Amino acid sequence: MIVRWLNKLEEAIFSALLVAMVLLVGVEVFYRFVLAEGISWAQEASLYLSGWFVLFGVSWGIKHGTHIGVDVLVKKLPRGGRRIVTLIALAVCLTYCGLLLVGSYQYLSLTRMIGIELQDIPIPKWQATLILPIGLGLLVLRFLELGWRVIKDEADGFGFSDEGEESLRLAEQDAAGETRDKEGRP
């Protein structure tokens, strides 16, 4: 129940960040090239929005298996071997996330204590960079979910996107004459 609610919240925020970035950059381009003026805070805001978008996107990519990975050797292992290698990789990923979580907490604590603000926007820097522990926390959650699925024998790997396989499939379709024109007709 909570995970399902968190998934929906994550996707809503992910979508809102993308829309906000596109709108902000579009308005800034209009102001700059049509009105010959700029929005003083737009560049900094779009930079932080893109940072938030990327860190939400990392956990979303793990959840949906859309990251590209090098798993040529792992795919050649039997299912049990793939599961063991995946659990080892997850342990390494969780350790790395743990180190980054500690570092991000220390960084946010320091910027909060010093009272640093953003350059162009009157917002404390620690609030703008709060995505660091949030994004890493979501990533830890996704790694734990994947680990649980591997332990329950529902998965045997990260489920990486395979661009090579997709390219071969498209090439085979093209060779077989199964390609479609711009209107979607064969």
Protein backbone atom coordinates (compact mmCIF):
# COMPACT_ATOMS: atom_id res chain seq x y z
CA MET A 1 0.00 0.00 0.00
CA ILE A 2 2.68 2.51 1.04
CA VAL A 3 4.98 1.45 -1.80
CA ARG A 4 2.16 1.83 -4.32
CA TRP A 5 1.40 5.32 -2.98
CA LEU A 6 5.11 6.16 -3.10
CA ASN A 7 5.31 4.92 -6.72
CA LYS A 8 2.45 7.21 -7.75
CA LEU A 9 3.94 10.16 -5.87
CA GLU A 10 7.34 9.54 -7.43
CA GLU A 11 5.90 9.43 -10.96
CA ALA A 12 3.80 12.56 -10.33
CA ILE A 13 6.83 14.49 -9.10
CA PHE A 14 8.94 13.09 -11.95
CA SER A 15 6.35 14.30 -14.48
CA ALA A 16 5.90 17.68 -12.78
CA LEU A 17 9.65 18.28 -12.81
CA LEU A 18 9.83 17.54 -16.53
CA VAL A 19 6.92 19.87 -17.29
CA ALA A 20 8.38 22.61 -15.08
CA MET A 21 11.77 22.35 -16.78
CA VAL A 22 10.30 22.47 -20.27
CA LEU A 23 8.03 25.41 -19.44
CA LEU A 24 10.77 27.35 -17.68
CA VAL A 25 13.29 26.87 -20.47
CA GLY A 26 10.64 27.67 -23.11
CA VAL A 27 9.64 30.90 -21.36
CA GLU A 28 13.31 31.85 -20.89
CA VAL A 29 14.00 31.28 -24.59
CA PHE A 30 10.98 33.42 -25.49
CA TYR A 31 12.07 36.21 -23.14
CA ARG A 32 15.67 36.09 -24.32
CA PHE A 33 15.17 35.89 -28.09
CA VAL A 34 11.82 37.61 -28.63
CA LEU A 35 11.75 40.24 -25.90
CA ALA A 36 15.56 40.64 -25.73
CA GLU A 37 15.44 40.23 -21.94
CA GLY A 38 16.24 37.34 -19.69
CA ILE A 39 14.91 35.89 -16.48
CA SER A 40 17.73 36.30 -13.98
CA TRP A 41 16.97 33.15 -12.00
CA ALA A 42 15.93 30.83 -14.87
CA GLN A 43 19.31 29.22 -15.48
CA GLU A 44 19.87 28.36 -11.84
CA ALA A 45 16.30 27.11 -11.43
CA SER A 46 16.52 24.90 -14.53
CA LEU A 47 19.85 23.52 -13.27
CA TYR A 48 18.33 22.48 -9.93
CA LEU A 49 15.15 21.18 -11.59
CA SER A 50 17.24 19.01 -13.89
CA GLY A 51 19.22 17.72 -10.89
CA TRP A 52 15.99 16.77 -9.12
CA PHE A 53 14.70 15.20 -12.36
CA VAL A 54 17.83 13.08 -12.78
CA LEU A 55 17.86 11.84 -9.20
CA PHE A 56 14.17 10.91 -9.34
CA GLY A 57 14.82 9.35 -12.75
CA VAL A 58 17.56 7.06 -11.48
CA SER A 59 15.23 5.28 -9.08
CA TRP A 60 12.45 5.26 -11.68
CA GLY A 61 14.88 3.63 -14.15
CA ILE A 62 15.79 0.90 -11.66
CA LYS A 63 12.09 0.26 -10.99
CA HIS A 64 11.29 -0.10 -14.70
CA GLY A 65 14.55 -1.77 -15.81
CA THR A 66 15.38 0.95 -18.31
CA HIS A 67 19.04 1.46 -17.42
CA ILE A 68 21.64 0.15 -19.82
CA GLY A 69 24.01 -2.32 -18.25
CA VAL A 70 26.89 -4.53 -19.26
CA ASP A 71 25.62 -7.98 -18.47
CA VAL A 72 27.00 -10.10 -21.31
CA LEU A 73 28.83 -12.48 -18.97
CA VAL A 74 26.07 -12.53 -16.38
CA LYS A 75 23.52 -13.59 -19.02
CA LYS A 76 25.65 -16.64 -19.81
CA LEU A 77 25.41 -17.87 -16.22
CA PRO A 78 22.68 -20.29 -15.11
CA ARG A 79 19.73 -18.72 -13.31
CA GLY A 80 21.17 -19.41 -9.85
CA GLY A 81 24.47 -17.82 -10.81
CA ARG A 82 22.69 -14.75 -12.18
CA ARG A 83 20.79 -14.42 -8.91
CA ILE A 84 24.00 -14.63 -6.84
CA VAL A 85 25.80 -12.07 -9.02
CA THR A 86 22.76 -9.79 -8.84
CA LEU A 87 22.67 -10.00 -5.03
CA ILE A 88 26.39 -9.20 -4.88
CA ALA A 89 25.90 -6.25 -7.25
CA LEU A 90 22.98 -5.04 -5.13
CA ALA A 91 25.13 -5.21 -2.00
CA VAL A 92 27.77 -3.08 -3.73
CA CYS A 93 25.09 -0.63 -4.93
CA LEU A 94 23.57 -0.37 -1.45
CA THR A 95 27.00 0.23 0.08
CA TYR A 96 27.68 2.98 -2.45
CA CYS A 97 24.28 4.56 -1.77
CA GLY A 98 24.93 4.37 1.96
CA LEU A 99 28.22 6.24 1.56
CA LEU A 100 26.56 8.88 -0.60
CA LEU A 101 23.68 9.21 1.89
CA VAL A 102 26.11 9.89 4.71
CA GLY A 103 28.02 12.38 2.55
CA SER A 104 24.86 14.15 1.43
CA TYR A 105 23.66 14.42 5.03
CA GLN A 106 26.98 15.96 6.05
CA TYR A 107 26.88 18.37 3.10
CA LEU A 108 23.30 19.45 3.79
CA SER A 109 24.04 19.88 7.50
CA LEU A 110 27.04 22.07 6.72
CA THR A 111 25.24 24.26 4.17
CA ARG A 112 22.33 24.64 6.57
CA MET A 113 24.61 25.56 9.46
CA ILE A 114 26.51 28.13 7.36
CA GLY A 115 23.28 29.53 5.89
CA ILE A 116 24.31 29.56 2.23
CA GLU A 117 21.64 30.68 -0.26
CA LEU A 118 21.44 30.09 -3.98
CA GLN A 119 23.02 32.79 -6.14
CA ASP A 120 19.94 34.01 -8.00
CA ILE A 121 17.05 32.64 -5.96
CA PRO A 122 16.52 33.56 -2.29
CA ILE A 123 16.25 29.94 -1.15
CA PRO A 124 18.63 28.24 1.29
CA LYS A 125 20.97 25.95 -0.66
CA TRP A 126 20.30 23.02 1.65
CA GLN A 127 16.63 23.07 0.61
CA ALA A 128 17.48 23.15 -3.09
CA THR A 129 19.86 20.21 -2.68
CA LEU A 130 17.54 18.18 -0.44
CA ILE A 131 17.06 15.87 -3.43
CA LEU A 132 20.39 14.23 -2.62
CA PRO A 133 19.13 12.21 0.37
CA ILE A 134 15.63 11.92 -1.13
CA GLY A 135 16.91 10.54 -4.45
CA LEU A 136 19.40 8.24 -2.77
CA GLY A 137 16.72 7.03 -0.36
CA LEU A 138 14.46 6.18 -3.30
CA LEU A 139 17.36 4.41 -4.98
CA VAL A 140 18.00 2.35 -1.83
CA LEU A 141 14.29 1.46 -1.77
CA ARG A 142 14.42 0.31 -5.43
CA PHE A 143 17.55 -1.77 -4.79
CA LEU A 144 15.92 -3.36 -1.73
CA GLU A 145 12.76 -4.12 -3.76
CA LEU A 146 14.85 -5.74 -6.48
CA GLY A 147 16.83 -7.71 -3.90
CA TRP A 148 13.59 -8.96 -2.35
CA ARG A 149 12.33 -10.04 -5.79
CA VAL A 150 15.61 -11.90 -6.43
CA ILE A 151 15.42 -13.60 -3.01
CA LYS A 152 11.80 -14.62 -3.69
CA ASP A 153 12.98 -15.98 -7.09
CA GLU A 154 10.78 -13.54 -9.01
CA ALA A 155 13.78 -11.97 -10.77
CA ASP A 156 17.33 -12.99 -11.56
CA GLY A 157 18.87 -9.68 -12.61
CA PHE A 158 18.47 -5.96 -12.90
CA GLY A 159 16.34 -6.27 -16.06
CA PHE A 160 18.57 -3.92 -18.03
CA SER A 161 17.39 -2.51 -21.32
CA ASP A 162 19.19 -4.37 -24.11
CA GLU A 163 19.86 -1.96 -26.98
CA GLY A 164 21.81 -4.57 -28.92
CA GLU A 165 18.88 -7.00 -28.86
CA GLU A 166 16.45 -4.23 -29.82
CA SER A 167 18.67 -3.15 -32.73
CA LEU A 168 18.91 -6.73 -34.00
CA ARG A 169 15.14 -7.12 -33.79
CA LEU A 170 14.60 -3.89 -35.74
CA ALA A 171 17.20 -4.94 -38.34
CA GLU A 172 15.48 -8.31 -38.76
CA GLN A 173 12.11 -6.59 -39.20
CA ASP A 174 13.64 -4.23 -41.74
CA ALA A 175 15.20 -7.13 -43.65
CA ALA A 176 11.90 -8.98 -43.65
CA GLY A 177 10.14 -5.90 -45.03
CA GLU A 178 8.15 -5.35 -41.85
CA THR A 179 9.06 -1.69 -41.53
CA ARG A 180 6.29 0.86 -41.57
CA ASP A 181 6.02 4.21 -43.29
CA LYS A 182 5.36 7.50 -41.48
CA GLU A 183 1.62 6.82 -41.29
CA GLY A 184 2.21 3.44 -39.62
CA ARG A 185 1.34 1.34 -42.69
CA PRO A 186 3.46 -1.75 -43.45
